[in-house]
């Protein structure tokens, strides 16, 4: 088997396992905050939002640094560092004695992470350019699947064991992924002429490349909308008239069905992108996700929420992987780690902003109306893609990944 394929399949399995572990916390984090001594509903919502968003702001700062370092010392070493750093942080979170310690340890988690960006950099750098879109799409499905299937596992485990035990199990998941990567992943040797770029150089490159920058901004808006409701999702599920003993499990299955349809739909969207072009499909997928989110406040029977969550997952499968594939195709090989790190930081910034907006929004409105605002955010993205994003036109690559002519044609 070709090295790039072996790396891709190994990283898919490892990242899937790791993301399951990392997303286990979603169904029960508000309940863990409550267990640590926060009892008032408004305070639970506030601290849950901080606990969700804290790692993302630290990761937003650190991920481009880890990405640039990966271009210098090796991307595999950054992947291994990140996954074992996550394992350690999960142990610390499980040992939290109060909500302040929880926030501190979640910040540490964000600072030592960068696993997704490092893995994307490793895969995109070691994959032939003509197969990079395929590879990025495949690896993105592991992120989507693990991130949203994980809550199913987390919900079940949190109903079976103490909340802190789930964090220790998460650490074991991360360690298993790290061992798998060490044994099976082979990083291709870097070109002897490869020039290492600083974080500043990579940011300068990103802001000059209008295609890459616009795609990153779109991803930020998407992630803001999707993550906005996560801190209160378990509380939203709890508001339905049902047996409260299984709230975490039900919340987990609702995340899980979204993840399942994300994985199922991604190849279908990929084939449509090859036939119809990415722009039209992005418009349909983003608008569909917006409609699905805006339906949430008007659902009062938990049964009807399942098909809406499934449709949301179906649409999400046609959004983020397309943007990442697009970014990968428009950056120079020697910058893969650094630029993909910046792309991941834009994603993480959306993950950070979303929960903070949730805190602000729930101060004035019932928590179920957070979904309505999330859907409205996605409709803004529909306008941006329709107005400014054009189909990529074929042309020769320059060392910077694009020709000046195409650069000017890309933005209307």
Foldseek 3Di string as FASTA:
>chain_A
DDQLVLLLVLLLVLLLLLLLLVQLCLLCVLVVQVVQPDPDPLVSLVLLLLLQQLLLVLLLVALLVLLLVCLVPNLLVLLLQQLLQLLVLLLQCLVDNHSVSSSVSSNSNSNRHNNVLSSLLQSLLPDPLVCNLVSLLSSVLSNLQSNLLSLLVSLVVVLVDPNSVSSNVSSVSSVVSSVSSVPGRDGDDDDPPQDRDHLVRLVVLQVLQVLLVLLLLLLLLLLLLVLQLSSCQLVLQCPAPDDNSRSSNLSSVLSNLLSVLLSVQLVVLVVCCVVPNLLVLQLVLLLQLLVLLQCQLVDRHSVVNNVSSNSNSNSVSSHPSVSSSSNSLQAASSCSSSNSSNSVSSNSNSSNNSSVVLSVVVVPDPSSCSSNVSSVSSVVSSCCSVQFADGQDDDDQDNGNDDPVSSVVGGD
